[in-house]
Amino acid sequence: MALVNCNFFSYTLGMDYEMNVLLPEKRQQPHLANPNKKYPVLYLLHGHSDDHTSWLRKSLVELLVRDKDVIVVMPNAHRSFYTDSKHGHNYFQFLSKELPVVVSNFFPASNKREENFVAGISMGGYGAMKWALNCPEKFAAAGSLSGALSPYKSLLEADDHNMFTVSDFKENFLNVFGGEKDFQGTENDLFYIAKKLDKEDEPKPYLYQSCGVSDPLYKYNVEYRDFIENETDCFNYTYHEDEGGHDWEYWNKVFPLMLKGFGII
């Protein structure tokens, strides 16, 4: 595949921005441009303290999709939780509104709902579910691998158990989300937005969720699984768990299963 390191100015964030993009490339064929060809798009969201290079450096993504006609977009969200921060930048507005336009303008990307997918690990799993559930008209599927799906309980408690090595994790978390009352019943609350979408006459993305049983976030993933299975009716949903922790060894093991669920491989 062709790798593009893309730098551009984001009007939403008010600063220069960087992302990585993998483009389909047929090595046995000449590079003949087809202006009418539009490719499916897979957005891959990184975890807390990672960046837009993490999927390329640590995962099997290029090996898995190199023979598939798919564009892979790996944006940088820094430590934003893919959220319009209470005391910072509007990363969710950028992600949900500006980024897809940039991708469509720069690359031969399909805008069809059935050809757009989003997935992430840890913080990125939260971001993927949040994006798809808030914008169901844009995505055929969303995937969370070891996602922080109930941030207020899971991440703050996990930080108490030294899951994170970042010294100012709690301070940053509260700067992003504000108090718990600012979080509940908003676009940031995955329980709320899933329940809301379940009741609406809107298309529902296929949801894939996986977590290792030794992961500090495991019990919170089980909690979200039970919520989707018992308190919603309209989602096509797959839950998977296996031996493993909160690491790339587990994510590389289950990533192909998710892509198969999406119909990409």
C-alpha atoms as a PDB file:
ATOM      1  CA  MET A   1       0.000   0.000   0.000  1.00  0.00           C
ATOM      2  CA  ALA A   2       1.026   3.608  -0.426  1.00  0.00           C
ATOM      3  CA  LEU A   3       1.656   5.530   2.803  1.00  0.00           C
ATOM      4  CA  VAL A   4       0.864   9.238   2.910  1.00  0.00           C
ATOM      5  CA  ASN A   5       1.889  11.429   5.817  1.00  0.00           C
ATOM      6  CA  CYS A   6      -0.566  14.287   5.534  1.00  0.00           C
ATOM      7  CA  ASN A   7      -0.140  17.750   7.059  1.00  0.00           C
ATOM      8  CA  PHE A   8      -2.829  20.389   6.720  1.00  0.00           C
ATOM      9  CA  PHE A   9      -4.360  23.300   8.586  1.00  0.00           C
ATOM     10  CA  SER A  10      -7.470  22.488  10.609  1.00  0.00           C
ATOM     11  CA  TYR A  11      -9.908  25.371  10.826  1.00  0.00           C
ATOM     12  CA  THR A  12     -11.775  23.658  13.663  1.00  0.00           C
ATOM     13  CA  LEU A  13      -8.681  23.142  15.803  1.00  0.00           C
ATOM     14  CA  GLY A  14      -7.013  26.347  14.660  1.00  0.00           C
ATOM     15  CA  MET A  15      -3.657  24.699  14.083  1.00  0.00           C
ATOM     16  CA  ASP A  16      -1.624  22.539  11.740  1.00  0.00           C
ATOM     17  CA  TYR A  17      -2.630  18.906  11.916  1.00  0.00           C
ATOM     18  CA  GLU A  18      -1.022  15.592  10.985  1.00  0.00           C
ATOM     19  CA  MET A  19      -2.438  12.186  10.061  1.00  0.00           C
ATOM     20  CA  ASN A  20      -1.317   9.024   8.276  1.00  0.00           C
ATOM     21  CA  VAL A  21      -3.221   7.472   5.395  1.00  0.00           C
ATOM     22  CA  LEU A  22      -2.786   4.114   3.677  1.00  0.00           C
ATOM     23  CA  LEU A  23      -3.947   4.017   0.057  1.00  0.00           C
ATOM     24  CA  PRO A  24      -4.661   0.974  -2.127  1.00  0.00           C
ATOM     25  CA  GLU A  25      -1.764   0.051  -4.380  1.00  0.00           C
ATOM     26  CA  LYS A  26      -1.588  -2.786  -6.911  1.00  0.00           C
ATOM     27  CA  ARG A  27       2.058  -3.737  -7.128  1.00  0.00           C
ATOM     28  CA  GLN A  28       1.614  -5.917 -10.192  1.00  0.00           C
ATOM     29  CA  GLN A  29      -0.184  -3.226 -12.151  1.00  0.00           C
ATOM     30  CA  PRO A  30       0.865   0.176 -13.494  1.00  0.00           C
ATOM     31  CA  HIS A  31      -0.334   3.233 -11.595  1.00  0.00           C
ATOM     32  CA  LEU A  32      -3.271   4.196 -13.766  1.00  0.00           C
ATOM     33  CA  ALA A  33      -5.552   6.792 -12.219  1.00  0.00           C
ATOM     34  CA  ASN A  34      -9.277   6.122 -12.343  1.00  0.00           C
ATOM     35  CA  PRO A  35     -11.049   9.375 -11.455  1.00  0.00           C
ATOM     36  CA  ASN A  36     -14.361   7.558 -11.082  1.00  0.00           C
ATOM     37  CA  LYS A  37     -13.136   5.014  -8.526  1.00  0.00           C
ATOM     38  CA  LYS A  38     -14.061   5.668  -4.906  1.00  0.00           C
ATOM     39  CA  TYR A  39     -12.716   3.459  -2.135  1.00  0.00           C
ATOM     40  CA  PRO A  40     -14.191   2.389   1.203  1.00  0.00           C
ATOM     41  CA  VAL A  41     -12.661   4.130   4.215  1.00  0.00           C
ATOM     42  CA  LEU A  42     -11.554   2.663   7.536  1.00  0.00           C
ATOM     43  CA  TYR A  43     -10.770   5.175  10.290  1.00  0.00           C
ATOM     44  CA  LEU A  44      -8.479   3.810  13.017  1.00  0.00           C
ATOM     45  CA  LEU A  45      -8.332   5.756  16.279  1.00  0.00           C
ATOM     46  CA  HIS A  46      -5.380   5.537  18.660  1.00  0.00           C
ATOM     47  CA  GLY A  47      -5.336   5.168  22.432  1.00  0.00           C
ATOM     48  CA  HIS A  48      -4.415   7.535  25.231  1.00  0.00           C
ATOM     49  CA  SER A  49      -0.786   8.726  25.080  1.00  0.00           C
ATOM     50  CA  ASP A  50      -0.432   7.266  21.553  1.00  0.00           C
ATOM     51  CA  ASP A  51      -0.650   9.171  18.278  1.00  0.00           C
ATOM     52  CA  HIS A  52      -1.407   8.787  14.569  1.00  0.00           C
ATOM     53  CA  THR A  53       1.670   6.588  14.055  1.00  0.00           C
ATOM     54  CA  SER A  54       0.694   3.900  16.565  1.00  0.00           C
ATOM     55  CA  TRP A  55      -1.428   1.734  14.278  1.00  0.00           C
ATOM     56  CA  LEU A  56       1.329   1.708  11.658  1.00  0.00           C
ATOM     57  CA  ARG A  57       4.114   0.948  14.127  1.00  0.00           C
ATOM     58  CA  LYS A  58       2.395  -1.578  16.372  1.00  0.00           C
ATOM     59  CA  SER A  59      -0.412  -3.299  14.456  1.00  0.00           C
ATOM     60  CA  LEU A  60      -0.830  -5.631  11.486  1.00  0.00           C
ATOM     61  CA  VAL A  61      -3.086  -3.244   9.609  1.00  0.00           C
ATOM     62  CA  GLU A  62      -1.055  -2.962   6.404  1.00  0.00           C
ATOM     63  CA  LEU A  63      -0.509  -6.716   6.168  1.00  0.00           C
ATOM     64  CA  LEU A  64      -4.212  -7.375   6.659  1.00  0.00           C
ATOM     65  CA  VAL A  65      -5.575  -4.901   4.108  1.00  0.00           C
ATOM     66  CA  ARG A  66      -2.760  -4.589   1.564  1.00  0.00           C
ATOM     67  CA  ASP A  67      -4.696  -6.579  -1.051  1.00  0.00           C
ATOM     68  CA  LYS A  68      -8.008  -4.886  -0.293  1.00  0.00           C
ATOM     69  CA  ASP A  69      -9.362  -1.795  -1.984  1.00  0.00           C
ATOM     70  CA  VAL A  70      -9.683   0.270   1.177  1.00  0.00           C
ATOM     71  CA  ILE A  71      -8.310   3.589   2.406  1.00  0.00           C
ATOM     72  CA  VAL A  72      -7.114   3.579   6.022  1.00  0.00           C
ATOM     73  CA  VAL A  73      -7.128   6.938   7.823  1.00  0.00           C
ATOM     74  CA  MET A  74      -5.226   7.259  11.097  1.00  0.00           C
ATOM     75  CA  PRO A  75      -5.854  10.694  12.663  1.00  0.00           C
ATOM     76  CA  ASN A  76      -4.156  12.237  15.674  1.00  0.00           C
ATOM     77  CA  ALA A  77      -6.387  13.105  18.613  1.00  0.00           C
ATOM     78  CA  HIS A  78      -3.616  13.602  21.174  1.00  0.00           C
ATOM     79  CA  ARG A  79      -5.152  13.073  24.652  1.00  0.00           C
ATOM     80  CA  SER A  80      -8.542  14.527  23.753  1.00  0.00           C
ATOM     81  CA  PHE A  81     -10.758  11.445  24.142  1.00  0.00           C
ATOM     82  CA  TYR A  82     -12.140  12.488  20.735  1.00  0.00           C
ATOM     83  CA  THR A  83     -14.183  15.062  22.605  1.00  0.00           C
ATOM     84  CA  ASP A  84     -14.992  18.755  22.473  1.00  0.00           C
ATOM     85  CA  SER A  85     -12.996  19.625  25.561  1.00  0.00           C
ATOM     86  CA  LYS A  86     -14.379  21.765  28.348  1.00  0.00           C
ATOM     87  CA  HIS A  87     -11.040  23.547  28.486  1.00  0.00           C
ATOM     88  CA  GLY A  88      -9.408  22.878  25.138  1.00  0.00           C
ATOM     89  CA  HIS A  89      -9.950  22.105  21.471  1.00  0.00           C
ATOM     90  CA  ASN A  90     -13.098  20.804  19.770  1.00  0.00           C
ATOM     91  CA  TYR A  91     -11.764  17.422  18.670  1.00  0.00           C
ATOM     92  CA  PHE A  92     -15.140  15.760  18.184  1.00  0.00           C
ATOM     93  CA  GLN A  93     -16.325  18.585  15.956  1.00  0.00           C
ATOM     94  CA  PHE A  94     -13.111  18.211  13.973  1.00  0.00           C
ATOM     95  CA  LEU A  95     -13.446  14.435  13.782  1.00  0.00           C
ATOM     96  CA  SER A  96     -17.106  14.292  12.831  1.00  0.00           C
ATOM     97  CA  LYS A  97     -17.365  17.304  10.533  1.00  0.00           C
ATOM     98  CA  GLU A  98     -14.050  18.563   9.193  1.00  0.00           C
ATOM     99  CA  LEU A  99     -11.977  15.389   8.869  1.00  0.00           C
ATOM    100  CA  PRO A 100     -14.322  13.454   6.522  1.00  0.00           C
ATOM    101  CA  VAL A 101     -14.463  16.474   4.212  1.00  0.00           C
ATOM    102  CA  VAL A 102     -10.672  16.718   4.184  1.00  0.00           C
ATOM    103  CA  VAL A 103     -10.354  13.005   3.432  1.00  0.00           C
ATOM    104  CA  SER A 104     -12.864  13.238   0.580  1.00  0.00           C
ATOM    105  CA  ASN A 105     -11.143  16.305  -0.867  1.00  0.00           C
ATOM    106  CA  PHE A 106      -7.624  14.868  -0.690  1.00  0.00           C
ATOM    107  CA  PHE A 107      -8.262  11.216  -1.567  1.00  0.00           C
ATOM    108  CA  PRO A 108     -10.640   9.071  -3.695  1.00  0.00           C
ATOM    109  CA  ALA A 109     -12.727   8.217  -0.640  1.00  0.00           C
ATOM    110  CA  SER A 110     -16.300   6.986  -0.752  1.00  0.00           C
ATOM    111  CA  ASN A 111     -18.907   8.966   1.164  1.00  0.00           C
ATOM    112  CA  LYS A 112     -21.384   6.085   1.128  1.00  0.00           C
ATOM    113  CA  ARG A 113     -22.471   4.992   4.565  1.00  0.00           C
ATOM    114  CA  GLU A 114     -22.065   1.324   3.685  1.00  0.00           C
ATOM    115  CA  GLU A 115     -18.417   1.954   2.776  1.00  0.00           C
ATOM    116  CA  ASN A 116     -17.288   3.820   5.901  1.00  0.00           C
ATOM    117  CA  PHE A 117     -16.023   2.142   9.079  1.00  0.00           C
ATOM    118  CA  VAL A 118     -14.406   3.294  12.319  1.00  0.00           C
ATOM    119  CA  ALA A 119     -12.547   1.420  15.047  1.00  0.00           C
ATOM    120  CA  GLY A 120     -10.129   2.086  17.857  1.00  0.00           C
ATOM    121  CA  ILE A 121      -8.236   0.749  20.845  1.00  0.00           C
ATOM    122  CA  SER A 122      -8.709   1.917  24.446  1.00  0.00           C
ATOM    123  CA  MET A 123      -9.450   5.673  24.261  1.00  0.00           C
ATOM    124  CA  GLY A 124      -9.894   5.153  20.519  1.00  0.00           C
ATOM    125  CA  GLY A 125     -12.475   2.421  21.128  1.00  0.00           C
ATOM    126  CA  TYR A 126     -14.488   4.968  23.065  1.00  0.00           C
ATOM    127  CA  GLY A 127     -13.989   7.491  20.248  1.00  0.00           C
ATOM    128  CA  ALA A 128     -15.064   5.023  17.564  1.00  0.00           C
ATOM    129  CA  MET A 129     -18.283   4.075  19.334  1.00  0.00           C
ATOM    130  CA  LYS A 130     -19.007   7.693  20.155  1.00  0.00           C
ATOM    131  CA  TRP A 131     -18.508   8.830  16.562  1.00  0.00           C
ATOM    132  CA  ALA A 132     -20.659   6.089  15.036  1.00  0.00           C
ATOM    133  CA  LEU A 133     -23.471   6.325  17.586  1.00  0.00           C
ATOM    134  CA  ASN A 134     -23.658  10.108  17.255  1.00  0.00           C
ATOM    135  CA  CYS A 135     -23.382   9.970  13.447  1.00  0.00           C
ATOM    136  CA  PRO A 136     -25.101   6.707  12.451  1.00  0.00           C
ATOM    137  CA  GLU A 137     -25.821   8.052   8.983  1.00  0.00           C
ATOM    138  CA  LYS A 138     -22.078   8.003   8.252  1.00  0.00           C
ATOM    139  CA  PHE A 139     -20.954   4.512   9.299  1.00  0.00           C
ATOM    140  CA  ALA A 140     -21.790   0.933   8.452  1.00  0.00           C
ATOM    141  CA  ALA A 141     -19.847  -0.370  11.447  1.00  0.00           C
ATOM    142  CA  ALA A 142     -17.878   0.627  14.523  1.00  0.00           C
ATOM    143  CA  GLY A 143     -15.427  -1.400  16.564  1.00  0.00           C
ATOM    144  CA  SER A 144     -13.982  -1.094  20.049  1.00  0.00           C
ATOM    145  CA  LEU A 145     -10.969  -3.106  21.199  1.00  0.00           C
ATOM    146  CA  SER A 146     -10.524  -2.775  24.971  1.00  0.00           C
ATOM    147  CA  GLY A 147     -12.481   0.445  24.807  1.00  0.00           C
ATOM    148  CA  ALA A 148     -12.914   2.890  27.673  1.00  0.00           C
ATOM    149  CA  LEU A 149     -16.659   2.757  27.132  1.00  0.00           C
ATOM    150  CA  SER A 150     -17.699   4.214  30.485  1.00  0.00           C
ATOM    151  CA  PRO A 151     -14.889   6.697  31.060  1.00  0.00           C
ATOM    152  CA  TYR A 152     -15.909   8.141  34.391  1.00  0.00           C
ATOM    153  CA  LYS A 153     -15.940   4.790  36.130  1.00  0.00           C
ATOM    154  CA  SER A 154     -13.408   2.814  34.143  1.00  0.00           C
ATOM    155  CA  LEU A 155     -10.622   5.290  33.528  1.00  0.00           C
ATOM    156  CA  LEU A 156     -10.568   7.085  36.846  1.00  0.00           C
ATOM    157  CA  GLU A 157     -10.655   3.774  38.721  1.00  0.00           C
ATOM    158  CA  ALA A 158      -8.042   2.296  36.387  1.00  0.00           C
ATOM    159  CA  ASP A 159      -5.819   5.279  37.088  1.00  0.00           C
ATOM    160  CA  ASP A 160      -6.091   4.481  40.779  1.00  0.00           C
ATOM    161  CA  HIS A 161      -4.611   1.078  39.908  1.00  0.00           C
ATOM    162  CA  ASN A 162      -1.694   2.699  38.035  1.00  0.00           C
ATOM    163  CA  MET A 163      -2.917   1.643  34.607  1.00  0.00           C
ATOM    164  CA  PHE A 164      -1.640   4.918  33.187  1.00  0.00           C
ATOM    165  CA  THR A 165       1.907   6.222  33.474  1.00  0.00           C
ATOM    166  CA  VAL A 166       0.930   9.824  32.706  1.00  0.00           C
ATOM    167  CA  SER A 167       1.244  11.830  35.910  1.00  0.00           C
ATOM    168  CA  ASP A 168      -1.469  14.364  35.078  1.00  0.00           C
ATOM    169  CA  PHE A 169      -3.997  11.849  33.719  1.00  0.00           C
ATOM    170  CA  LYS A 170      -6.840  12.792  36.066  1.00  0.00           C
ATOM    171  CA  GLU A 171      -6.260  16.501  35.567  1.00  0.00           C
ATOM    172  CA  ASN A 172      -6.369  16.095  31.796  1.00  0.00           C
ATOM    173  CA  PHE A 173      -9.441  13.857  32.008  1.00  0.00           C
ATOM    174  CA  LEU A 174     -11.387  16.438  34.007  1.00  0.00           C
ATOM    175  CA  ASN A 175     -10.225  19.249  31.721  1.00  0.00           C
ATOM    176  CA  VAL A 176     -11.703  17.326  28.797  1.00  0.00           C
ATOM    177  CA  PHE A 177     -15.019  16.158  30.254  1.00  0.00           C
ATOM    178  CA  GLY A 178     -15.660  18.459  33.190  1.00  0.00           C
ATOM    179  CA  GLY A 179     -17.562  17.021  36.145  1.00  0.00           C
ATOM    180  CA  GLU A 180     -19.590  13.832  35.954  1.00  0.00           C
ATOM    181  CA  LYS A 181     -22.808  15.860  35.713  1.00  0.00           C
ATOM    182  CA  ASP A 182     -21.375  17.512  32.589  1.00  0.00           C
ATOM    183  CA  PHE A 183     -20.856  14.040  31.114  1.00  0.00           C
ATOM    184  CA  GLN A 184     -24.043  12.114  31.811  1.00  0.00           C
ATOM    185  CA  GLY A 185     -26.827  12.344  29.245  1.00  0.00           C
ATOM    186  CA  THR A 186     -24.664  14.052  26.614  1.00  0.00           C
ATOM    187  CA  GLU A 187     -23.052  13.097  23.303  1.00  0.00           C
ATOM    188  CA  ASN A 188     -20.106  11.817  25.372  1.00  0.00           C
ATOM    189  CA  ASP A 189     -22.163   9.225  27.271  1.00  0.00           C
ATOM    190  CA  LEU A 190     -22.160   5.974  25.257  1.00  0.00           C
ATOM    191  CA  PHE A 191     -24.996   4.473  27.292  1.00  0.00           C
ATOM    192  CA  TYR A 192     -27.190   7.494  26.698  1.00  0.00           C
ATOM    193  CA  ILE A 193     -26.519   7.863  22.973  1.00  0.00           C
ATOM    194  CA  ALA A 194     -26.948   4.130  22.293  1.00  0.00           C
ATOM    195  CA  LYS A 195     -30.293   4.102  24.098  1.00  0.00           C
ATOM    196  CA  LYS A 196     -31.357   7.253  22.277  1.00  0.00           C
ATOM    197  CA  LEU A 197     -30.399   5.870  18.857  1.00  0.00           C
ATOM    198  CA  ASP A 198     -32.098   2.561  19.626  1.00  0.00           C
ATOM    199  CA  LYS A 199     -35.419   4.402  19.905  1.00  0.00           C
ATOM    200  CA  GLU A 200     -34.969   6.465  16.737  1.00  0.00           C
ATOM    201  CA  ASP A 201     -35.871   5.628  13.167  1.00  0.00           C
ATOM    202  CA  GLU A 202     -32.267   5.927  12.031  1.00  0.00           C
ATOM    203  CA  PRO A 203     -29.843   3.421  10.516  1.00  0.00           C
ATOM    204  CA  LYS A 204     -27.888   1.550  13.157  1.00  0.00           C
ATOM    205  CA  PRO A 205     -24.192   0.759  12.668  1.00  0.00           C
ATOM    206  CA  TYR A 206     -23.001  -2.778  13.261  1.00  0.00           C
ATOM    207  CA  LEU A 207     -21.125  -2.772  16.574  1.00  0.00           C
ATOM    208  CA  TYR A 208     -18.133  -4.977  17.353  1.00  0.00           C
ATOM    209  CA  GLN A 209     -16.694  -5.035  20.868  1.00  0.00           C
ATOM    210  CA  SER A 210     -13.783  -7.062  22.221  1.00  0.00           C
ATOM    211  CA  CYS A 211     -11.795  -7.061  25.450  1.00  0.00           C
ATOM    212  CA  GLY A 212      -9.232  -9.315  27.113  1.00  0.00           C
ATOM    213  CA  VAL A 213     -10.307 -10.953  30.344  1.00  0.00           C
ATOM    214  CA  SER A 214      -7.143  -9.721  32.114  1.00  0.00           C
ATOM    215  CA  ASP A 215      -7.672  -6.133  30.995  1.00  0.00           C
ATOM    216  CA  PRO A 216      -8.272  -3.551  33.776  1.00  0.00           C
ATOM    217  CA  LEU A 217     -11.195  -2.334  31.651  1.00  0.00           C
ATOM    218  CA  TYR A 218     -12.716  -5.811  31.302  1.00  0.00           C
ATOM    219  CA  LYS A 219     -15.526  -5.438  33.842  1.00  0.00           C
ATOM    220  CA  TYR A 220     -16.591  -2.159  32.271  1.00  0.00           C
ATOM    221  CA  ASN A 221     -16.678  -3.763  28.832  1.00  0.00           C
ATOM    222  CA  VAL A 222     -18.870  -6.521  30.263  1.00  0.00           C
ATOM    223  CA  GLU A 223     -21.103  -3.826  31.721  1.00  0.00           C
ATOM    224  CA  TYR A 224     -21.505  -2.219  28.293  1.00  0.00           C
ATOM    225  CA  ARG A 225     -22.089  -5.615  26.683  1.00  0.00           C
ATOM    226  CA  ASP A 226     -24.878  -6.346  29.149  1.00  0.00           C
ATOM    227  CA  PHE A 227     -26.383  -2.936  28.493  1.00  0.00           C
ATOM    228  CA  ILE A 228     -26.440  -3.377  24.697  1.00  0.00           C
ATOM    229  CA  GLU A 229     -27.747  -6.941  24.892  1.00  0.00           C
ATOM    230  CA  ASN A 230     -30.403  -6.335  27.550  1.00  0.00           C
ATOM    231  CA  GLU A 231     -31.484  -2.717  27.204  1.00  0.00           C
ATOM    232  CA  THR A 232     -31.413  -2.116  23.445  1.00  0.00           C
ATOM    233  CA  ASP A 233     -33.244  -3.967  20.692  1.00  0.00           C
ATOM    234  CA  CYS A 234     -32.140  -2.713  17.294  1.00  0.00           C
ATOM    235  CA  PHE A 235     -28.364  -3.124  17.095  1.00  0.00           C
ATOM    236  CA  ASN A 236     -26.549  -5.802  15.126  1.00  0.00           C
ATOM    237  CA  TYR A 237     -23.907  -6.463  17.762  1.00  0.00           C
ATOM    238  CA  THR A 238     -20.978  -8.810  18.346  1.00  0.00           C
ATOM    239  CA  TYR A 239     -19.134  -9.207  21.630  1.00  0.00           C
ATOM    240  CA  HIS A 240     -15.894 -11.165  21.885  1.00  0.00           C
ATOM    241  CA  GLU A 241     -13.537 -11.825  24.757  1.00  0.00           C
ATOM    242  CA  ASP A 242     -10.394 -13.909  25.071  1.00  0.00           C
ATOM    243  CA  GLU A 243      -7.287 -14.303  27.165  1.00  0.00           C
ATOM    244  CA  GLY A 244      -5.269 -11.122  27.100  1.00  0.00           C
ATOM    245  CA  GLY A 245      -4.615  -7.728  28.603  1.00  0.00           C
ATOM    246  CA  HIS A 246      -4.585  -4.088  27.606  1.00  0.00           C
ATOM    247  CA  ASP A 247      -1.849  -4.362  24.993  1.00  0.00           C
ATOM    248  CA  TRP A 248      -1.030  -4.771  21.324  1.00  0.00           C
ATOM    249  CA  GLU A 249      -0.533  -8.507  21.714  1.00  0.00           C
ATOM    250  CA  TYR A 250      -4.250  -8.821  22.395  1.00  0.00           C
ATOM    251  CA  TRP A 251      -5.334  -6.192  19.889  1.00  0.00           C
ATOM    252  CA  ASN A 252      -3.341  -7.767  17.053  1.00  0.00           C
ATOM    253  CA  LYS A 253      -4.968 -11.102  17.885  1.00  0.00           C
ATOM    254  CA  VAL A 254      -8.529  -9.803  17.654  1.00  0.00           C
ATOM    255  CA  PHE A 255      -8.115  -7.064  15.030  1.00  0.00           C
ATOM    256  CA  PRO A 256      -8.550  -9.519  12.106  1.00  0.00           C
ATOM    257  CA  LEU A 257     -11.754 -10.830  13.686  1.00  0.00           C
ATOM    258  CA  MET A 258     -13.152  -7.324  13.770  1.00  0.00           C
ATOM    259  CA  LEU A 259     -12.191  -6.660  10.142  1.00  0.00           C
ATOM    260  CA  LYS A 260     -13.953  -9.882   9.148  1.00  0.00           C
ATOM    261  CA  GLY A 261     -17.024  -8.713  11.029  1.00  0.00           C
ATOM    262  CA  PHE A 262     -16.875  -5.470   9.066  1.00  0.00           C
ATOM    263  CA  GLY A 263     -16.597  -7.435   5.805  1.00  0.00           C
ATOM    264  CA  ILE A 264     -13.278  -5.765   4.948  1.00  0.00           C
ATOM    265  CA  ILE A 265     -11.275  -9.009   4.870  1.00  0.00           C
END
